[in-house]
């Protein structure tokens, strides 16, 4: 506050091209002076001892970092925390999209395609040039056996992981209005298709080959039906005769 009070009112001046040029020259001069002040150095090769010391220092730093950490109390992830996290991700996404300015799309011209392909060819050539020559090794039966064993182990581990994580668990899908509309439309399409197939097949029949066994079974079923029907008919006739006789007795009596 005291610093700002001591500063008087100033008049802002626009940044002219001359001021930009002077600023860039000053930066270049400062860089040149810095490099001139740096003396000549002698490069030293990285020896195995230096590599060992470097690795030990990294391990020591990691150990000291873990020792300085105190004990923490784990907190369960509640549904409220999950909701806040998702909301925060949505807010971050919206803010990120709002911060993006408007861009002008540029068409991909044949020249740009040609330059892109040339760049890919150059990158491929440089990559292959940097690769050293390799010595081909024969594929022995032992290597084949190890390969098959590794594939079997990978398959077993994948199956175990699938059973533990996926098998027996249902995938929950939100029943949105759009999904309900699609489901109803699919039902209507299925009904229309069913009626269409029914109308096409209506009036047609499927010919069946009549063999002796089928004829014999059909005849037996007909005989059984006739016997059953005649037995019932005979009983009906007997009951009707008994009823008539009983009526006659009642009239005479």
C-alpha atoms as a PDB file:
ATOM      1  CA  UNK A   1       0.000   0.000   0.000  1.00  0.00           C
ATOM      2  CA  UNK A   2       2.807   2.457   0.889  1.00  0.00           C
ATOM      3  CA  UNK A   3       4.580   1.579  -2.358  1.00  0.00           C
ATOM      4  CA  UNK A   4       1.472   2.306  -4.381  1.00  0.00           C
ATOM      5  CA  UNK A   5       0.868   5.563  -2.499  1.00  0.00           C
ATOM      6  CA  UNK A   6       4.387   6.797  -3.297  1.00  0.00           C
ATOM      7  CA  UNK A   7       3.882   6.133  -6.999  1.00  0.00           C
ATOM      8  CA  UNK A   8       2.308   9.039  -8.768  1.00  0.00           C
ATOM      9  CA  UNK A   9      -0.098   8.965 -11.625  1.00  0.00           C
ATOM     10  CA  UNK A  10       1.389   7.838 -14.948  1.00  0.00           C
ATOM     11  CA  UNK A  11       0.336   8.266 -18.550  1.00  0.00           C
ATOM     12  CA  UNK A  12       0.208   4.998 -20.511  1.00  0.00           C
ATOM     13  CA  UNK A  13       2.150   5.023 -23.759  1.00  0.00           C
ATOM     14  CA  UNK A  14       1.378   2.716 -26.689  1.00  0.00           C
ATOM     15  CA  UNK A  15       3.887   0.036 -27.652  1.00  0.00           C
ATOM     16  CA  UNK A  16       5.250   1.209 -30.999  1.00  0.00           C
ATOM     17  CA  UNK A  17       7.187  -0.947 -33.510  1.00  0.00           C
ATOM     18  CA  UNK A  18      10.343   0.981 -32.560  1.00  0.00           C
ATOM     19  CA  UNK A  19       9.936   0.003 -28.920  1.00  0.00           C
ATOM     20  CA  UNK A  20       9.405  -3.632 -29.952  1.00  0.00           C
ATOM     21  CA  UNK A  21      12.624  -3.515 -32.001  1.00  0.00           C
ATOM     22  CA  UNK A  22      14.602  -2.016 -29.124  1.00  0.00           C
ATOM     23  CA  UNK A  23      13.243  -4.664 -26.742  1.00  0.00           C
ATOM     24  CA  UNK A  24      14.255  -7.502 -29.064  1.00  0.00           C
ATOM     25  CA  UNK A  25      17.738  -6.011 -29.573  1.00  0.00           C
ATOM     26  CA  UNK A  26      18.171  -5.719 -25.808  1.00  0.00           C
ATOM     27  CA  UNK A  27      17.232  -9.378 -25.343  1.00  0.00           C
ATOM     28  CA  UNK A  28      19.713 -10.429 -28.038  1.00  0.00           C
ATOM     29  CA  UNK A  29      22.478  -8.313 -26.486  1.00  0.00           C
ATOM     30  CA  UNK A  30      21.769  -9.790 -23.033  1.00  0.00           C
ATOM     31  CA  UNK A  31      21.957 -13.319 -24.471  1.00  0.00           C
ATOM     32  CA  UNK A  32      25.273 -12.564 -26.217  1.00  0.00           C
ATOM     33  CA  UNK A  33      26.785 -11.026 -23.085  1.00  0.00           C
ATOM     34  CA  UNK A  34      25.682 -14.031 -21.012  1.00  0.00           C
ATOM     35  CA  UNK A  35      27.331 -16.443 -23.415  1.00  0.00           C
ATOM     36  CA  UNK A  36      30.526 -14.360 -23.491  1.00  0.00           C
ATOM     37  CA  UNK A  37      30.761 -14.440 -19.702  1.00  0.00           C
ATOM     38  CA  UNK A  38      30.536 -18.209 -19.681  1.00  0.00           C
ATOM     39  CA  UNK A  39      34.011 -19.671 -19.877  1.00  0.00           C
ATOM     40  CA  UNK A  40      35.117 -22.721 -21.755  1.00  0.00           C
ATOM     41  CA  UNK A  41      34.352 -26.065 -20.149  1.00  0.00           C
ATOM     42  CA  UNK A  42      35.780 -29.519 -20.644  1.00  0.00           C
ATOM     43  CA  UNK A  43      33.175 -32.244 -21.250  1.00  0.00           C
ATOM     44  CA  UNK A  44      33.551 -35.302 -19.044  1.00  0.00           C
ATOM     45  CA  UNK A  45      32.249 -38.729 -20.032  1.00  0.00           C
ATOM     46  CA  UNK A  46      29.551 -40.370 -17.940  1.00  0.00           C
ATOM     47  CA  UNK A  47      31.302 -43.293 -16.259  1.00  0.00           C
ATOM     48  CA  UNK A  48      29.608 -46.337 -14.671  1.00  0.00           C
ATOM     49  CA  UNK A  49      30.574 -44.929 -11.268  1.00  0.00           C
ATOM     50  CA  UNK A  50      28.704 -41.708 -12.011  1.00  0.00           C
ATOM     51  CA  UNK A  51      25.678 -43.714 -13.141  1.00  0.00           C
ATOM     52  CA  UNK A  52      25.775 -45.728  -9.896  1.00  0.00           C
ATOM     53  CA  UNK A  53      26.017 -42.581  -7.757  1.00  0.00           C
ATOM     54  CA  UNK A  54      23.146 -41.013  -9.683  1.00  0.00           C
ATOM     55  CA  UNK A  55      20.898 -44.055  -9.160  1.00  0.00           C
ATOM     56  CA  UNK A  56      21.780 -44.220  -5.462  1.00  0.00           C
ATOM     57  CA  UNK A  57      20.963 -40.533  -5.087  1.00  0.00           C
ATOM     58  CA  UNK A  58      17.574 -41.055  -6.723  1.00  0.00           C
ATOM     59  CA  UNK A  59      16.830 -44.004  -4.411  1.00  0.00           C
ATOM     60  CA  UNK A  60      17.893 -41.991  -1.353  1.00  0.00           C
ATOM     61  CA  UNK A  61      15.704 -39.073  -2.431  1.00  0.00           C
ATOM     62  CA  UNK A  62      12.732 -41.409  -2.881  1.00  0.00           C
ATOM     63  CA  UNK A  63      13.285 -42.983   0.555  1.00  0.00           C
ATOM     64  CA  UNK A  64      13.613 -39.590   2.253  1.00  0.00           C
ATOM     65  CA  UNK A  65      10.468 -38.359   0.506  1.00  0.00           C
ATOM     66  CA  UNK A  66       8.485 -41.363   1.729  1.00  0.00           C
ATOM     67  CA  UNK A  67       9.876 -40.977   5.276  1.00  0.00           C
ATOM     68  CA  UNK A  68       8.769 -37.348   5.408  1.00  0.00           C
ATOM     69  CA  UNK A  69       5.219 -38.307   4.540  1.00  0.00           C
ATOM     70  CA  UNK A  70       3.043 -38.757   7.592  1.00  0.00           C
ATOM     71  CA  UNK A  71       0.379 -41.359   8.111  1.00  0.00           C
ATOM     72  CA  UNK A  72      -2.887 -40.726   6.310  1.00  0.00           C
ATOM     73  CA  UNK A  73      -6.408 -41.881   7.046  1.00  0.00           C
ATOM     74  CA  UNK A  74      -8.147 -43.384   3.987  1.00  0.00           C
ATOM     75  CA  UNK A  75     -11.604 -42.012   3.325  1.00  0.00           C
ATOM     76  CA  UNK A  76     -14.240 -43.992   1.417  1.00  0.00           C
ATOM     77  CA  UNK A  77     -15.458 -42.649  -1.922  1.00  0.00           C
ATOM     78  CA  UNK A  78     -19.103 -41.809  -1.265  1.00  0.00           C
ATOM     79  CA  UNK A  79     -21.772 -41.265  -3.964  1.00  0.00           C
ATOM     80  CA  UNK A  80     -21.720 -37.563  -3.093  1.00  0.00           C
ATOM     81  CA  UNK A  81     -17.984 -37.385  -3.812  1.00  0.00           C
ATOM     82  CA  UNK A  82     -18.524 -39.198  -7.111  1.00  0.00           C
ATOM     83  CA  UNK A  83     -21.260 -36.711  -8.040  1.00  0.00           C
ATOM     84  CA  UNK A  84     -19.071 -33.705  -7.164  1.00  0.00           C
ATOM     85  CA  UNK A  85     -16.191 -35.198  -9.158  1.00  0.00           C
ATOM     86  CA  UNK A  86     -18.371 -35.707 -12.241  1.00  0.00           C
ATOM     87  CA  UNK A  87     -19.792 -32.183 -11.928  1.00  0.00           C
ATOM     88  CA  UNK A  88     -16.273 -30.779 -11.650  1.00  0.00           C
ATOM     89  CA  UNK A  89     -15.232 -32.642 -14.792  1.00  0.00           C
ATOM     90  CA  UNK A  90     -18.257 -31.264 -16.659  1.00  0.00           C
ATOM     91  CA  UNK A  91     -17.507 -27.725 -15.429  1.00  0.00           C
ATOM     92  CA  UNK A  92     -13.854 -28.054 -16.456  1.00  0.00           C
ATOM     93  CA  UNK A  93     -14.894 -29.274 -19.890  1.00  0.00           C
ATOM     94  CA  UNK A  94     -17.354 -26.402 -20.333  1.00  0.00           C
ATOM     95  CA  UNK A  95     -14.809 -23.790 -19.151  1.00  0.00           C
ATOM     96  CA  UNK A  96     -12.167 -25.269 -21.449  1.00  0.00           C
ATOM     97  CA  UNK A  97     -14.498 -25.074 -24.432  1.00  0.00           C
ATOM     98  CA  UNK A  98     -15.494 -21.509 -23.536  1.00  0.00           C
ATOM     99  CA  UNK A  99     -11.809 -20.510 -23.342  1.00  0.00           C
ATOM    100  CA  UNK A 100     -11.166 -21.727 -26.857  1.00  0.00           C
ATOM    101  CA  UNK A 101     -11.402 -19.004 -29.435  1.00  0.00           C
ATOM    102  CA  UNK A 102     -13.065 -19.273 -32.794  1.00  0.00           C
ATOM    103  CA  UNK A 103     -10.997 -20.982 -35.450  1.00  0.00           C
ATOM    104  CA  UNK A 104     -11.114 -20.763 -39.197  1.00  0.00           C
ATOM    105  CA  UNK A 105     -11.159 -24.189 -40.865  1.00  0.00           C
ATOM    106  CA  UNK A 106      -8.711 -24.567 -43.729  1.00  0.00           C
ATOM    107  CA  UNK A 107      -9.292 -27.082 -46.514  1.00  0.00           C
ATOM    108  CA  UNK A 108      -6.801 -29.890 -47.017  1.00  0.00           C
ATOM    109  CA  UNK A 109      -5.295 -29.144 -50.416  1.00  0.00           C
ATOM    110  CA  UNK A 110      -3.447 -31.669 -52.588  1.00  0.00           C
ATOM    111  CA  UNK A 111      -0.211 -29.811 -51.826  1.00  0.00           C
ATOM    112  CA  UNK A 112      -0.729 -30.300 -48.089  1.00  0.00           C
ATOM    113  CA  UNK A 113      -1.438 -33.998 -48.657  1.00  0.00           C
ATOM    114  CA  UNK A 114       1.764 -34.322 -50.685  1.00  0.00           C
ATOM    115  CA  UNK A 115       3.854 -32.590 -48.005  1.00  0.00           C
ATOM    116  CA  UNK A 116       2.315 -34.807 -45.310  1.00  0.00           C
ATOM    117  CA  UNK A 117       3.140 -37.990 -47.230  1.00  0.00           C
ATOM    118  CA  UNK A 118       6.693 -36.797 -47.908  1.00  0.00           C
ATOM    119  CA  UNK A 119       7.156 -36.035 -44.218  1.00  0.00           C
ATOM    120  CA  UNK A 120       5.965 -39.534 -43.294  1.00  0.00           C
ATOM    121  CA  UNK A 121       8.388 -41.077 -45.808  1.00  0.00           C
ATOM    122  CA  UNK A 122      11.267 -38.972 -44.457  1.00  0.00           C
ATOM    123  CA  UNK A 123      10.434 -39.952 -40.858  1.00  0.00           C
ATOM    124  CA  UNK A 124      10.281 -43.636 -41.853  1.00  0.00           C
ATOM    125  CA  UNK A 125      13.650 -43.433 -43.654  1.00  0.00           C
ATOM    126  CA  UNK A 126      15.315 -41.660 -40.716  1.00  0.00           C
ATOM    127  CA  UNK A 127      13.882 -44.217 -38.284  1.00  0.00           C
ATOM    128  CA  UNK A 128      15.184 -47.117 -40.350  1.00  0.00           C
ATOM    129  CA  UNK A 129      18.620 -45.473 -40.706  1.00  0.00           C
ATOM    130  CA  UNK A 130      18.916 -45.147 -36.924  1.00  0.00           C
ATOM    131  CA  UNK A 131      18.130 -48.824 -36.407  1.00  0.00           C
ATOM    132  CA  UNK A 132      21.206 -50.992 -36.092  1.00  0.00           C
ATOM    133  CA  UNK A 133      21.611 -54.248 -37.929  1.00  0.00           C
ATOM    134  CA  UNK A 134      20.124 -57.245 -36.142  1.00  0.00           C
ATOM    135  CA  UNK A 135      21.194 -60.860 -36.090  1.00  0.00           C
ATOM    136  CA  UNK A 136      18.375 -63.270 -37.003  1.00  0.00           C
ATOM    137  CA  UNK A 137      17.919 -66.134 -34.552  1.00  0.00           C
ATOM    138  CA  UNK A 138      16.372 -69.480 -35.540  1.00  0.00           C
ATOM    139  CA  UNK A 139      12.995 -70.424 -34.079  1.00  0.00           C
ATOM    140  CA  UNK A 140      13.809 -73.536 -32.045  1.00  0.00           C
ATOM    141  CA  UNK A 141      11.241 -76.040 -30.662  1.00  0.00           C
ATOM    142  CA  UNK A 142      12.033 -74.764 -27.163  1.00  0.00           C
ATOM    143  CA  UNK A 143      11.069 -71.230 -28.198  1.00  0.00           C
ATOM    144  CA  UNK A 144       7.849 -72.565 -29.769  1.00  0.00           C
ATOM    145  CA  UNK A 145       7.007 -74.404 -26.536  1.00  0.00           C
ATOM    146  CA  UNK A 146       7.685 -71.294 -24.420  1.00  0.00           C
ATOM    147  CA  UNK A 147       5.531 -69.232 -26.771  1.00  0.00           C
ATOM    148  CA  UNK A 148       2.606 -71.656 -26.520  1.00  0.00           C
ATOM    149  CA  UNK A 149       2.925 -71.811 -22.737  1.00  0.00           C
ATOM    150  CA  UNK A 150       2.898 -68.030 -22.557  1.00  0.00           C
ATOM    151  CA  UNK A 151      -0.238 -67.883 -24.702  1.00  0.00           C
ATOM    152  CA  UNK A 152      -1.931 -70.460 -22.457  1.00  0.00           C
ATOM    153  CA  UNK A 153      -0.961 -68.526 -19.312  1.00  0.00           C
ATOM    154  CA  UNK A 154      -2.264 -65.281 -20.854  1.00  0.00           C
ATOM    155  CA  UNK A 155      -5.539 -66.999 -21.779  1.00  0.00           C
ATOM    156  CA  UNK A 156      -5.980 -68.401 -18.267  1.00  0.00           C
ATOM    157  CA  UNK A 157      -5.260 -65.047 -16.638  1.00  0.00           C
ATOM    158  CA  UNK A 158      -7.667 -63.308 -19.032  1.00  0.00           C
ATOM    159  CA  UNK A 159     -10.399 -65.844 -18.297  1.00  0.00           C
ATOM    160  CA  UNK A 160      -9.906 -65.471 -14.528  1.00  0.00           C
ATOM    161  CA  UNK A 161     -10.029 -61.704 -14.802  1.00  0.00           C
ATOM    162  CA  UNK A 162     -13.160 -61.904 -16.962  1.00  0.00           C
ATOM    163  CA  UNK A 163     -14.929 -64.186 -14.487  1.00  0.00           C
ATOM    164  CA  UNK A 164     -14.028 -61.969 -11.545  1.00  0.00           C
ATOM    165  CA  UNK A 165     -14.899 -58.640 -13.135  1.00  0.00           C
ATOM    166  CA  UNK A 166     -17.545 -59.206 -15.800  1.00  0.00           C
ATOM    167  CA  UNK A 167     -19.193 -62.612 -15.541  1.00  0.00           C
ATOM    168  CA  UNK A 168     -22.409 -62.602 -13.558  1.00  0.00           C
ATOM    169  CA  UNK A 169     -22.673 -58.815 -13.468  1.00  0.00           C
ATOM    170  CA  UNK A 170     -25.344 -56.952 -15.371  1.00  0.00           C
ATOM    171  CA  UNK A 171     -24.631 -53.835 -17.380  1.00  0.00           C
ATOM    172  CA  UNK A 172     -26.934 -51.050 -16.276  1.00  0.00           C
ATOM    173  CA  UNK A 173     -28.268 -48.898 -19.112  1.00  0.00           C
ATOM    174  CA  UNK A 174     -30.346 -45.793 -18.578  1.00  0.00           C
ATOM    175  CA  UNK A 175     -33.904 -46.110 -19.901  1.00  0.00           C
ATOM    176  CA  UNK A 176     -34.056 -42.811 -21.744  1.00  0.00           C
ATOM    177  CA  UNK A 177     -37.028 -41.590 -23.826  1.00  0.00           C
ATOM    178  CA  UNK A 178     -34.947 -42.122 -26.961  1.00  0.00           C
ATOM    179  CA  UNK A 179     -34.296 -45.758 -26.076  1.00  0.00           C
ATOM    180  CA  UNK A 180     -37.991 -46.309 -25.305  1.00  0.00           C
ATOM    181  CA  UNK A 181     -38.906 -44.802 -28.670  1.00  0.00           C
ATOM    182  CA  UNK A 182     -36.435 -47.058 -30.479  1.00  0.00           C
ATOM    183  CA  UNK A 183     -37.755 -50.095 -28.588  1.00  0.00           C
ATOM    184  CA  UNK A 184     -41.365 -49.314 -29.509  1.00  0.00           C
ATOM    185  CA  UNK A 185     -40.379 -48.744 -33.142  1.00  0.00           C
ATOM    186  CA  UNK A 186     -38.556 -52.074 -33.189  1.00  0.00           C
ATOM    187  CA  UNK A 187     -41.654 -53.826 -31.830  1.00  0.00           C
ATOM    188  CA  UNK A 188     -43.831 -52.271 -34.527  1.00  0.00           C
ATOM    189  CA  UNK A 189     -41.340 -53.284 -37.221  1.00  0.00           C
ATOM    190  CA  UNK A 190     -41.269 -56.849 -35.870  1.00  0.00           C
ATOM    191  CA  UNK A 191     -45.089 -57.009 -35.823  1.00  0.00           C
ATOM    192  CA  UNK A 192     -45.350 -55.712 -39.389  1.00  0.00           C
ATOM    193  CA  UNK A 193     -42.720 -58.212 -40.543  1.00  0.00           C
ATOM    194  CA  UNK A 194     -44.532 -61.075 -38.785  1.00  0.00           C
ATOM    195  CA  UNK A 195     -47.883 -60.208 -40.399  1.00  0.00           C
ATOM    196  CA  UNK A 196     -46.207 -59.842 -43.769  1.00  0.00           C
ATOM    197  CA  UNK A 197     -44.645 -63.300 -43.500  1.00  0.00           C
ATOM    198  CA  UNK A 198     -47.968 -64.735 -42.277  1.00  0.00           C
ATOM    199  CA  UNK A 199     -49.877 -63.291 -45.232  1.00  0.00           C
ATOM    200  CA  UNK A 200     -47.329 -64.727 -47.633  1.00  0.00           C
ATOM    201  CA  UNK A 201     -47.469 -68.210 -46.102  1.00  0.00           C
ATOM    202  CA  UNK A 202     -51.282 -68.224 -45.648  1.00  0.00           C
ATOM    203  CA  UNK A 203     -53.010 -70.748 -47.903  1.00  0.00           C
ATOM    204  CA  UNK A 204     -49.896 -72.751 -48.543  1.00  0.00           C
ATOM    205  CA  UNK A 205     -49.103 -76.163 -47.098  1.00  0.00           C
ATOM    206  CA  UNK A 206     -46.027 -78.229 -46.483  1.00  0.00           C
ATOM    207  CA  UNK A 207     -46.066 -81.583 -48.296  1.00  0.00           C
ATOM    208  CA  UNK A 208     -45.241 -84.563 -46.058  1.00  0.00           C
ATOM    209  CA  UNK A 209     -44.011 -87.885 -47.375  1.00  0.00           C
ATOM    210  CA  UNK A 210     -46.428 -90.694 -46.466  1.00  0.00           C
ATOM    211  CA  UNK A 211     -44.495 -93.823 -45.531  1.00  0.00           C
ATOM    212  CA  UNK A 212     -45.902 -97.194 -44.401  1.00  0.00           C
ATOM    213  CA  UNK A 213     -45.210 -96.445 -40.735  1.00  0.00           C
ATOM    214  CA  UNK A 214     -47.174 -93.215 -40.902  1.00  0.00           C
ATOM    215  CA  UNK A 215     -50.053 -94.968 -42.648  1.00  0.00           C
ATOM    216  CA  UNK A 216     -50.102 -97.681 -39.969  1.00  0.00           C
ATOM    217  CA  UNK A 217     -50.109 -95.169 -37.115  1.00  0.00           C
ATOM    218  CA  UNK A 218     -52.855 -93.167 -38.825  1.00  0.00           C
ATOM    219  CA  UNK A 219     -55.009 -96.303 -39.289  1.00  0.00           C
ATOM    220  CA  UNK A 220     -54.509 -97.328 -35.657  1.00  0.00           C
ATOM    221  CA  UNK A 221     -55.522 -93.890 -34.422  1.00  0.00           C
ATOM    222  CA  UNK A 222     -58.632 -94.035 -36.612  1.00  0.00           C
ATOM    223  CA  UNK A 223     -59.527 -97.463 -35.223  1.00  0.00           C
ATOM    224  CA  UNK A 224     -59.106 -96.232 -31.656  1.00  0.00           C
ATOM    225  CA  UNK A 225     -61.322 -93.240 -32.411  1.00  0.00           C
ATOM    226  CA  UNK A 226     -64.022 -95.457 -33.969  1.00  0.00           C
ATOM    227  CA  UNK A 227     -63.962 -97.907 -31.074  1.00  0.00           C
ATOM    228  CA  UNK A 228     -64.180 -95.105 -28.529  1.00  0.00           C
ATOM    229  CA  UNK A 229     -66.982 -93.385 -30.396  1.00  0.00           C
ATOM    230  CA  UNK A 230     -68.999 -96.585 -30.860  1.00  0.00           C
ATOM    231  CA  UNK A 231     -68.632 -97.511 -27.223  1.00  0.00           C
ATOM    232  CA  UNK A 232     -69.972 -94.150 -26.127  1.00  0.00           C
ATOM    233  CA  UNK A 233     -72.765 -94.341 -28.710  1.00  0.00           C
ATOM    234  CA  UNK A 234     -73.824 -97.812 -27.518  1.00  0.00           C
ATOM    235  CA  UNK A 235     -73.960 -96.593 -23.935  1.00  0.00           C
ATOM    236  CA  UNK A 236     -76.062 -93.597 -24.981  1.00  0.00           C
ATOM    237  CA  UNK A 237     -78.487 -95.907 -26.793  1.00  0.00           C
ATOM    238  CA  UNK A 238     -78.757 -98.171 -23.725  1.00  0.00           C
ATOM    239  CA  UNK A 239     -79.415 -95.247 -21.414  1.00  0.00           C
ATOM    240  CA  UNK A 240     -82.031 -93.868 -23.778  1.00  0.00           C
ATOM    241  CA  UNK A 241     -83.790 -97.286 -23.880  1.00  0.00           C
ATOM    242  CA  UNK A 242     -83.762 -97.515 -20.071  1.00  0.00           C
ATOM    243  CA  UNK A 243     -85.284 -94.029 -19.826  1.00  0.00           C
ATOM    244  CA  UNK A 244     -88.070 -94.956 -22.274  1.00  0.00           C
ATOM    245  CA  UNK A 245     -88.809 -98.166 -20.345  1.00  0.00           C
ATOM    246  CA  UNK A 246     -88.932 -96.258 -17.081  1.00  0.00           C
ATOM    247  CA  UNK A 247     -91.360 -93.703 -18.575  1.00  0.00           C
ATOM    248  CA  UNK A 248     -93.607 -96.535 -19.795  1.00  0.00           C
ATOM    249  CA  UNK A 249     -93.617 -98.119 -16.300  1.00  0.00           C
ATOM    250  CA  UNK A 250     -94.525 -94.791 -14.732  1.00  0.00           C
ATOM    251  CA  UNK A 251     -97.435 -94.347 -17.120  1.00  0.00           C
ATOM    252  CA  UNK A 252     -98.766 -97.843 -16.605  1.00  0.00           C
ATOM    253  CA  UNK A 253     -98.204 -97.756 -12.913  1.00  0.00           C
END
